[in-house]
Amino acid sequence: MEHQKNIMNQFEATYELSNEMMLLVELIIKKLRDETFQSYITEREKLAFFNKDEDFKKTKNRSINSDLNKLEEDKSNLFSNLSSQELKLLDKLVLNVIDNLLFNLLREFDEVNTNNWSLHIESKNIETLRNELIGNGNFTGDFFTWASRFSKFGDIEF
């Protein structure tokens, strides 16, 4: 079993993606997964720092309504009061939610024949791209490979 896994990993590492498939991978992994998670990390770090910054507390953004200021303050308090272990757990939870959303989106791509819509990447229909999939012949299967191969945040953990 381990030997088969090694052979598959070697194949995945050398497997070439078409330009259209690479555009899809970049959209799913780089733009939607990595950029969304990076935005969360940046916001979390900023708010944890701001809670300790007395000048920031005094100069709340007066141009937005008080409910939004309260939300920012609440988030800041939450992030700054979590332990390192709790922050890691929260990070995993947020990444898991992002991964679940993307998995569900890709499942819709897998079921495109049963839906009333189509998707084209450059000149290729999503159905044509299905022929390039190496996982179980579906986008959700290849999602795991794409994340492992191209994401700066590593493998998907469900």
N, C-alpha and C. Protein backbone atom coordinates (compact mmCIF):
# COMPACT_ATOMS: atom_id res chain seq x y z
N MET A 1 0.82 -1.20 0.00
CA MET A 1 0.00 0.00 0.00
C MET A 1 0.87 1.27 0.00
N GLU A 2 1.89 1.27 0.85
CA GLU A 2 2.80 2.43 0.93
C GLU A 2 3.52 2.63 -0.40
N HIS A 3 3.88 1.53 -1.06
CA HIS A 3 4.55 1.61 -2.36
C HIS A 3 3.64 2.27 -3.40
N GLN A 4 2.36 1.90 -3.40
CA GLN A 4 1.40 2.50 -4.34
C GLN A 4 1.25 3.99 -4.07
N LYS A 5 1.23 4.37 -2.81
CA LYS A 5 1.11 5.78 -2.44
C LYS A 5 2.32 6.57 -2.93
N ASN A 6 3.53 6.00 -2.79
CA ASN A 6 4.74 6.66 -3.27
C ASN A 6 4.72 6.84 -4.78
N ILE A 7 4.26 5.82 -5.49
CA ILE A 7 4.17 5.92 -6.95
C ILE A 7 3.20 7.02 -7.34
N MET A 8 2.04 7.09 -6.66
CA MET A 8 1.05 8.13 -6.96
C MET A 8 1.61 9.51 -6.65
N ASN A 9 2.32 9.65 -5.55
CA ASN A 9 2.92 10.94 -5.19
C ASN A 9 3.95 11.38 -6.23
N GLN A 10 4.76 10.44 -6.74
CA GLN A 10 5.72 10.78 -7.79
C GLN A 10 5.00 11.22 -9.05
N PHE A 11 3.91 10.53 -9.40
CA PHE A 11 3.13 10.89 -10.58
C PHE A 11 2.54 12.29 -10.42
N GLU A 12 1.94 12.56 -9.27
CA GLU A 12 1.33 13.87 -9.03
C GLU A 12 2.36 14.99 -9.10
N ALA A 13 3.56 14.74 -8.61
CA ALA A 13 4.59 15.77 -8.59
C ALA A 13 5.06 16.14 -10.00
N THR A 14 4.96 15.20 -10.95
CA THR A 14 5.43 15.47 -12.31
C THR A 14 4.29 15.70 -13.28
N TYR A 15 3.07 15.52 -12.85
CA TYR A 15 1.91 15.64 -13.73
C TYR A 15 1.75 17.09 -14.19
N GLU A 16 1.69 17.29 -15.49
CA GLU A 16 1.55 18.62 -16.07
C GLU A 16 0.08 18.99 -16.20
N LEU A 17 -0.24 20.21 -15.87
CA LEU A 17 -1.60 20.72 -16.01
C LEU A 17 -1.68 21.64 -17.22
N SER A 18 -2.78 21.57 -17.94
CA SER A 18 -2.97 22.48 -19.07
C SER A 18 -3.11 23.90 -18.54
N ASN A 19 -2.96 24.87 -19.43
CA ASN A 19 -3.12 26.27 -19.03
C ASN A 19 -4.49 26.53 -18.42
N GLU A 20 -5.52 25.95 -19.00
CA GLU A 20 -6.88 26.16 -18.49
C GLU A 20 -7.05 25.54 -17.11
N MET A 21 -6.51 24.32 -16.93
CA MET A 21 -6.61 23.68 -15.62
C MET A 21 -5.80 24.46 -14.60
N MET A 22 -4.65 24.97 -15.01
CA MET A 22 -3.82 25.75 -14.08
C MET A 22 -4.55 27.02 -13.66
N LEU A 23 -5.30 27.64 -14.57
CA LEU A 23 -6.11 28.81 -14.20
C LEU A 23 -7.15 28.45 -13.15
N LEU A 24 -7.77 27.29 -13.31
CA LEU A 24 -8.75 26.84 -12.32
C LEU A 24 -8.07 26.57 -10.98
N VAL A 25 -6.93 25.90 -11.01
CA VAL A 25 -6.19 25.61 -9.78
C VAL A 25 -5.77 26.91 -9.09
N GLU A 26 -5.28 27.87 -9.86
CA GLU A 26 -4.89 29.16 -9.28
C GLU A 26 -6.08 29.86 -8.65
N LEU A 27 -7.24 29.80 -9.31
CA LEU A 27 -8.44 30.41 -8.74
C LEU A 27 -8.82 29.73 -7.43
N ILE A 28 -8.90 28.42 -7.45
CA ILE A 28 -9.36 27.67 -6.27
C ILE A 28 -8.34 27.73 -5.13
N ILE A 29 -7.08 27.46 -5.44
CA ILE A 29 -6.07 27.35 -4.38
C ILE A 29 -5.46 28.70 -4.02
N LYS A 30 -4.94 29.41 -4.98
CA LYS A 30 -4.23 30.66 -4.68
C LYS A 30 -5.18 31.78 -4.28
N LYS A 31 -6.20 32.00 -5.10
CA LYS A 31 -7.10 33.13 -4.85
C LYS A 31 -8.09 32.84 -3.74
N LEU A 32 -8.84 31.75 -3.88
CA LEU A 32 -9.91 31.51 -2.91
C LEU A 32 -9.41 30.92 -1.60
N ARG A 33 -8.54 29.92 -1.64
CA ARG A 33 -8.09 29.29 -0.39
C ARG A 33 -7.02 30.14 0.30
N ASP A 34 -5.89 30.35 -0.39
CA ASP A 34 -4.76 31.00 0.26
C ASP A 34 -5.02 32.47 0.58
N GLU A 35 -5.57 33.21 -0.36
CA GLU A 35 -5.81 34.63 -0.10
C GLU A 35 -6.87 34.84 0.98
N THR A 36 -7.89 34.01 0.99
CA THR A 36 -8.93 34.13 2.02
C THR A 36 -8.35 33.83 3.40
N PHE A 37 -7.59 32.75 3.49
CA PHE A 37 -7.01 32.39 4.78
C PHE A 37 -5.97 33.42 5.22
N GLN A 38 -5.18 33.93 4.28
CA GLN A 38 -4.20 34.96 4.61
C GLN A 38 -4.90 36.22 5.11
N SER A 39 -6.03 36.57 4.52
CA SER A 39 -6.80 37.74 4.99
C SER A 39 -7.24 37.55 6.43
N TYR A 40 -7.71 36.35 6.75
CA TYR A 40 -8.11 36.04 8.12
C TYR A 40 -6.91 36.18 9.07
N ILE A 41 -5.76 35.58 8.70
CA ILE A 41 -4.57 35.64 9.55
C ILE A 41 -4.14 37.09 9.78
N THR A 42 -4.13 37.88 8.72
CA THR A 42 -3.74 39.29 8.82
C THR A 42 -4.69 40.04 9.75
N GLU A 43 -5.97 39.82 9.57
CA GLU A 43 -6.98 40.48 10.41
C GLU A 43 -6.83 40.05 11.87
N ARG A 44 -6.62 38.75 12.10
CA ARG A 44 -6.47 38.24 13.46
C ARG A 44 -5.26 38.85 14.13
N GLU A 45 -4.15 38.90 13.43
CA GLU A 45 -2.93 39.46 14.01
C GLU A 45 -3.07 40.96 14.27
N LYS A 46 -3.69 41.66 13.34
CA LYS A 46 -3.90 43.10 13.50
C LYS A 46 -4.78 43.38 14.72
N LEU A 47 -5.87 42.65 14.83
CA LEU A 47 -6.79 42.91 15.94
C LEU A 47 -6.21 42.50 17.28
N ALA A 48 -5.42 41.44 17.31
CA ALA A 48 -4.78 41.05 18.57
C ALA A 48 -3.78 42.12 19.01
N PHE A 49 -3.07 42.70 18.05
CA PHE A 49 -2.12 43.76 18.36
C PHE A 49 -2.85 45.03 18.80
N PHE A 50 -3.93 45.39 18.09
CA PHE A 50 -4.65 46.63 18.40
C PHE A 50 -5.23 46.62 19.80
N ASN A 51 -5.60 45.47 20.29
CA ASN A 51 -6.16 45.41 21.63
C ASN A 51 -5.13 45.84 22.67
N LYS A 52 -3.85 45.68 22.34
CA LYS A 52 -2.78 46.06 23.26
C LYS A 52 -2.32 47.50 23.03
N ASP A 53 -2.77 48.11 21.96
CA ASP A 53 -2.33 49.44 21.56
C ASP A 53 -3.31 50.48 22.10
N GLU A 54 -2.91 51.19 23.13
CA GLU A 54 -3.79 52.18 23.77
C GLU A 54 -4.17 53.32 22.82
N ASP A 55 -3.25 53.73 21.94
CA ASP A 55 -3.56 54.79 20.98
C ASP A 55 -4.68 54.36 20.04
N PHE A 56 -4.65 53.09 19.64
CA PHE A 56 -5.71 52.60 18.76
C PHE A 56 -7.06 52.63 19.46
N LYS A 57 -7.07 52.23 20.71
CA LYS A 57 -8.33 52.22 21.46
C LYS A 57 -8.93 53.62 21.55
N LYS A 58 -8.08 54.62 21.65
CA LYS A 58 -8.57 56.00 21.78
C LYS A 58 -9.06 56.56 20.44
N THR A 59 -8.54 56.06 19.35
CA THR A 59 -8.88 56.61 18.04
C THR A 59 -9.70 55.63 17.22
N LYS A 60 -10.73 55.09 17.79
CA LYS A 60 -11.60 54.20 17.04
C LYS A 60 -12.09 54.91 15.79
N ASN A 61 -12.39 54.13 14.81
CA ASN A 61 -12.83 54.69 13.54
C ASN A 61 -14.19 55.34 13.69
N ARG A 62 -14.19 56.64 13.73
CA ARG A 62 -15.44 57.38 13.93
C ARG A 62 -16.27 57.47 12.66
N SER A 63 -15.67 57.10 11.53
CA SER A 63 -16.40 57.19 10.27
C SER A 63 -17.33 55.99 10.04
N ILE A 64 -17.20 54.94 10.87
CA ILE A 64 -18.12 53.81 10.74
C ILE A 64 -19.02 53.78 11.95
N ASN A 65 -20.13 53.10 11.80
CA ASN A 65 -21.12 53.13 12.89
C ASN A 65 -20.62 52.40 14.14
N SER A 66 -21.27 52.65 15.23
CA SER A 66 -20.82 52.11 16.52
C SER A 66 -20.93 50.59 16.58
N ASP A 67 -21.87 49.99 15.84
CA ASP A 67 -21.98 48.53 15.83
C ASP A 67 -20.72 47.90 15.23
N LEU A 68 -20.20 48.50 14.18
CA LEU A 68 -18.98 47.97 13.58
C LEU A 68 -17.78 48.19 14.48
N ASN A 69 -17.71 49.32 15.13
CA ASN A 69 -16.64 49.54 16.10
C ASN A 69 -16.71 48.52 17.23
N LYS A 70 -17.90 48.24 17.69
CA LYS A 70 -18.10 47.26 18.75
C LYS A 70 -17.66 45.87 18.28
N LEU A 71 -18.01 45.53 17.05
CA LEU A 71 -17.60 44.24 16.50
C LEU A 71 -16.08 44.15 16.43
N GLU A 72 -15.42 45.20 15.95
CA GLU A 72 -13.96 45.21 15.89
C GLU A 72 -13.36 45.06 17.28
N GLU A 73 -13.93 45.74 18.24
CA GLU A 73 -13.44 45.65 19.61
C GLU A 73 -13.64 44.24 20.17
N ASP A 74 -14.80 43.65 19.92
CA ASP A 74 -15.07 42.29 20.39
C ASP A 74 -14.11 41.28 19.77
N LYS A 75 -13.89 41.41 18.47
CA LYS A 75 -12.94 40.51 17.80
C LYS A 75 -11.53 40.71 18.36
N SER A 76 -11.17 41.94 18.58
CA SER A 76 -9.85 42.24 19.13
C SER A 76 -9.69 41.60 20.51
N ASN A 77 -10.69 41.73 21.34
CA ASN A 77 -10.64 41.12 22.67
C ASN A 77 -10.55 39.59 22.57
N LEU A 78 -11.32 39.01 21.68
CA LEU A 78 -11.29 37.56 21.51
C LEU A 78 -9.89 37.09 21.12
N PHE A 79 -9.35 37.67 20.06
CA PHE A 79 -8.05 37.22 19.55
C PHE A 79 -6.93 37.45 20.55
N SER A 80 -6.96 38.53 21.26
CA SER A 80 -5.86 38.82 22.19
C SER A 80 -5.95 37.99 23.46
N ASN A 81 -7.11 37.42 23.76
CA ASN A 81 -7.27 36.64 24.97
C ASN A 81 -7.14 35.13 24.76
N LEU A 82 -6.97 34.70 23.51
CA LEU A 82 -6.80 33.27 23.25
C LEU A 82 -5.35 32.87 23.47
N SER A 83 -5.16 31.66 23.97
CA SER A 83 -3.80 31.13 24.12
C SER A 83 -3.27 30.76 22.74
N SER A 84 -2.00 30.49 22.69
CA SER A 84 -1.36 30.09 21.43
C SER A 84 -2.01 28.81 20.89
N GLN A 85 -2.28 27.87 21.75
CA GLN A 85 -2.92 26.61 21.35
C GLN A 85 -4.34 26.87 20.84
N GLU A 86 -5.07 27.75 21.50
CA GLU A 86 -6.43 28.07 21.06
C GLU A 86 -6.42 28.79 19.71
N LEU A 87 -5.43 29.66 19.48
CA LEU A 87 -5.32 30.34 18.19
C LEU A 87 -5.04 29.33 17.07
N LYS A 88 -4.17 28.37 17.33
CA LYS A 88 -3.88 27.33 16.33
C LYS A 88 -5.14 26.53 16.01
N LEU A 89 -5.91 26.23 17.02
CA LEU A 89 -7.16 25.49 16.81
C LEU A 89 -8.16 26.34 16.01
N LEU A 90 -8.26 27.60 16.33
CA LEU A 90 -9.15 28.50 15.60
C LEU A 90 -8.69 28.63 14.14
N ASP A 91 -7.39 28.74 13.94
CA ASP A 91 -6.85 28.80 12.57
C ASP A 91 -7.24 27.56 11.78
N LYS A 92 -7.11 26.39 12.40
CA LYS A 92 -7.49 25.15 11.71
C LYS A 92 -8.97 25.13 11.39
N LEU A 93 -9.78 25.62 12.32
CA LEU A 93 -11.22 25.67 12.11
C LEU A 93 -11.56 26.58 10.93
N VAL A 94 -10.96 27.75 10.88
CA VAL A 94 -11.23 28.69 9.78
C VAL A 94 -10.79 28.09 8.46
N LEU A 95 -9.59 27.49 8.42
CA LEU A 95 -9.13 26.87 7.17
C LEU A 95 -10.04 25.71 6.78
N ASN A 96 -10.53 24.98 7.75
CA ASN A 96 -11.45 23.88 7.47
C ASN A 96 -12.76 24.38 6.86
N VAL A 97 -13.26 25.50 7.35
CA VAL A 97 -14.49 26.09 6.78
C VAL A 97 -14.23 26.52 5.33
N ILE A 98 -13.10 27.15 5.07
CA ILE A 98 -12.75 27.55 3.71
C ILE A 98 -12.66 26.32 2.82
N ASP A 99 -11.98 25.27 3.29
CA ASP A 99 -11.83 24.05 2.51
C ASP A 99 -13.17 23.38 2.23
N ASN A 100 -14.06 23.39 3.22
CA ASN A 100 -15.39 22.81 3.01
C ASN A 100 -16.17 23.58 1.95
N LEU A 101 -16.07 24.89 2.00
CA LEU A 101 -16.75 25.71 1.01
C LEU A 101 -16.22 25.39 -0.39
N LEU A 102 -14.91 25.32 -0.54
CA LEU A 102 -14.32 25.03 -1.85
C LEU A 102 -14.64 23.61 -2.30
N PHE A 103 -14.64 22.67 -1.38
CA PHE A 103 -15.00 21.29 -1.70
C PHE A 103 -16.43 21.24 -2.25
N ASN A 104 -17.34 21.96 -1.60
CA ASN A 104 -18.73 21.99 -2.06
C ASN A 104 -18.86 22.66 -3.42
N LEU A 105 -18.08 23.71 -3.66
CA LEU A 105 -18.08 24.35 -4.97
C LEU A 105 -17.59 23.38 -6.04
N LEU A 106 -16.51 22.68 -5.75
CA LEU A 106 -15.98 21.72 -6.72
C LEU A 106 -16.92 20.54 -6.93
N ARG A 107 -17.65 20.16 -5.90
CA ARG A 107 -18.66 19.10 -6.07
C ARG A 107 -19.72 19.55 -7.07
N GLU A 108 -20.06 20.83 -7.05
CA GLU A 108 -20.99 21.36 -8.04
C GLU A 108 -20.40 21.25 -9.44
N PHE A 109 -19.09 21.50 -9.57
CA PHE A 109 -18.43 21.33 -10.87
C PHE A 109 -18.51 19.88 -11.31
N ASP A 110 -18.34 18.95 -10.36
CA ASP A 110 -18.43 17.52 -10.68
C ASP A 110 -19.82 17.14 -11.17
N GLU A 111 -20.82 17.83 -10.67
CA GLU A 111 -22.21 17.51 -11.01
C GLU A 111 -22.78 18.46 -12.05
N VAL A 112 -21.90 19.08 -12.85
CA VAL A 112 -22.32 20.11 -13.80
C VAL A 112 -23.38 19.58 -14.78
N ASN A 113 -23.36 18.31 -15.11
CA ASN A 113 -24.37 17.76 -16.01
C ASN A 113 -25.76 17.80 -15.42
N THR A 114 -25.84 17.79 -14.10
CA THR A 114 -27.15 17.77 -13.46
C THR A 114 -27.63 19.16 -13.08
N ASN A 115 -26.80 20.16 -13.31
CA ASN A 115 -27.16 21.54 -12.98
C ASN A 115 -27.57 22.29 -14.24
N ASN A 116 -28.14 23.42 -14.09
CA ASN A 116 -28.58 24.22 -15.22
C ASN A 116 -27.60 25.35 -15.53
N TRP A 117 -26.34 25.08 -15.45
CA TRP A 117 -25.34 26.09 -15.74
C TRP A 117 -24.10 25.41 -16.31
N SER A 118 -23.22 26.21 -16.90
CA SER A 118 -21.96 25.69 -17.41
C SER A 118 -20.86 26.68 -17.07
N LEU A 119 -19.65 26.22 -17.15
CA LEU A 119 -18.49 27.03 -16.82
C LEU A 119 -17.44 26.82 -17.90
N HIS A 120 -16.86 27.92 -18.37
CA HIS A 120 -15.78 27.87 -19.34
C HIS A 120 -14.55 28.57 -18.76
N ILE A 121 -13.41 27.97 -19.00
CA ILE A 121 -12.15 28.59 -18.62
C ILE A 121 -11.39 28.75 -19.93
N GLU A 122 -11.14 30.01 -20.26
CA GLU A 122 -10.67 30.34 -21.60
C GLU A 122 -11.65 29.70 -22.58
N SER A 123 -11.19 28.81 -23.43
CA SER A 123 -12.10 28.25 -24.42
C SER A 123 -12.62 26.88 -24.04
N LYS A 124 -12.17 26.34 -22.92
CA LYS A 124 -12.56 24.97 -22.54
C LYS A 124 -13.74 24.97 -21.58
N ASN A 125 -14.67 24.09 -21.88
CA ASN A 125 -15.79 23.84 -20.98
C ASN A 125 -15.28 23.02 -19.80
N ILE A 126 -15.90 23.18 -18.67
CA ILE A 126 -15.49 22.44 -17.46
C ILE A 126 -15.53 20.93 -17.70
N GLU A 127 -16.45 20.48 -18.54
CA GLU A 127 -16.53 19.05 -18.87
C GLU A 127 -15.27 18.57 -19.56
N THR A 128 -14.69 19.39 -20.44
CA THR A 128 -13.46 19.04 -21.14
C THR A 128 -12.30 18.92 -20.15
N LEU A 129 -12.27 19.80 -19.18
CA LEU A 129 -11.21 19.76 -18.18
C LEU A 129 -11.26 18.50 -17.32
N ARG A 130 -12.43 17.93 -17.19
CA ARG A 130 -12.58 16.71 -16.38
C ARG A 130 -11.67 15.60 -16.89
N ASN A 131 -11.37 15.59 -18.18
CA ASN A 131 -10.49 14.56 -18.75
C ASN A 131 -9.06 14.65 -18.23
N GLU A 132 -8.69 15.78 -17.67
CA GLU A 132 -7.33 15.97 -17.16
C GLU A 132 -7.18 15.60 -15.68
N LEU A 133 -8.27 15.28 -15.04
CA LEU A 133 -8.22 15.02 -13.60
C LEU A 133 -7.51 13.71 -13.30
N ILE A 134 -6.69 13.71 -12.24
CA ILE A 134 -5.93 12.51 -11.90
C ILE A 134 -6.45 11.83 -10.64
N GLY A 135 -7.28 12.52 -9.87
CA GLY A 135 -7.79 11.95 -8.62
C GLY A 135 -8.74 10.80 -8.93
N ASN A 136 -9.93 10.91 -8.48
CA ASN A 136 -10.94 9.90 -8.75
C ASN A 136 -11.75 10.27 -9.99
N GLY A 137 -11.18 11.10 -10.84
CA GLY A 137 -11.90 11.54 -12.03
C GLY A 137 -12.88 12.64 -11.71
N ASN A 138 -12.67 13.30 -10.58
CA ASN A 138 -13.56 14.41 -10.23
C ASN A 138 -12.75 15.54 -9.61
N PHE A 139 -13.34 16.72 -9.63
CA PHE A 139 -12.64 17.91 -9.12
C PHE A 139 -12.42 17.83 -7.62
N THR A 140 -13.37 17.26 -6.90
CA THR A 140 -13.19 17.17 -5.44
C THR A 140 -12.01 16.28 -5.09
N GLY A 141 -11.77 15.22 -5.86
CA GLY A 141 -10.62 14.36 -5.61
C GLY A 141 -9.30 15.07 -5.87
N ASP A 142 -9.25 15.84 -6.96
CA ASP A 142 -8.02 16.55 -7.29
C ASP A 142 -7.77 17.75 -6.37
N PHE A 143 -8.80 18.25 -5.73
CA PHE A 143 -8.67 19.37 -4.80
C PHE A 143 -7.61 19.07 -3.74
N PHE A 144 -7.58 17.84 -3.25
CA PHE A 144 -6.61 17.45 -2.22
C PHE A 144 -5.18 17.51 -2.78
N THR A 145 -5.01 17.04 -4.01
CA THR A 145 -3.71 17.09 -4.67
C THR A 145 -3.28 18.53 -4.91
N TRP A 146 -4.20 19.35 -5.40
CA TRP A 146 -3.89 20.75 -5.69
C TRP A 146 -3.43 21.47 -4.43
N ALA A 147 -4.14 21.27 -3.33
CA ALA A 147 -3.77 21.95 -2.08
C ALA A 147 -2.39 21.50 -1.62
N SER A 148 -2.15 20.21 -1.67
CA SER A 148 -0.87 19.67 -1.25
C SER A 148 0.27 20.21 -2.12
N ARG A 149 -0.01 20.37 -3.38
CA ARG A 149 1.03 20.75 -4.34
C ARG A 149 1.23 22.26 -4.47
N PHE A 150 0.16 23.05 -4.34
CA PHE A 150 0.25 24.46 -4.67
C PHE A 150 -0.08 25.44 -3.53
N SER A 151 -0.69 24.98 -2.46
CA SER A 151 -1.10 25.91 -1.40
C SER A 151 0.04 26.20 -0.44
N LYS A 152 0.17 27.45 -0.04
CA LYS A 152 1.18 27.78 0.94
C LYS A 152 0.74 27.39 2.36
N PHE A 153 -0.52 26.95 2.50
CA PHE A 153 -1.01 26.55 3.81
C PHE A 153 -1.15 25.03 3.94
N GLY A 154 -0.65 24.30 2.96
CA GLY A 154 -0.56 22.85 3.08
C GLY A 154 -1.80 22.08 2.77
N ASP A 155 -1.80 20.85 3.24
CA ASP A 155 -2.83 19.88 2.93
C ASP A 155 -4.18 20.26 3.53
N ILE A 156 -5.20 19.66 2.94
CA ILE A 156 -6.56 19.81 3.44
C ILE A 156 -6.77 18.78 4.55
N GLU A 157 -7.37 19.23 5.63
CA GLU A 157 -7.66 18.33 6.75
C GLU A 157 -9.14 18.41 7.06
N PHE A 158 -9.85 17.34 6.75
CA PHE A 158 -11.27 17.29 7.11
C PHE A 158 -11.43 16.48 8.36
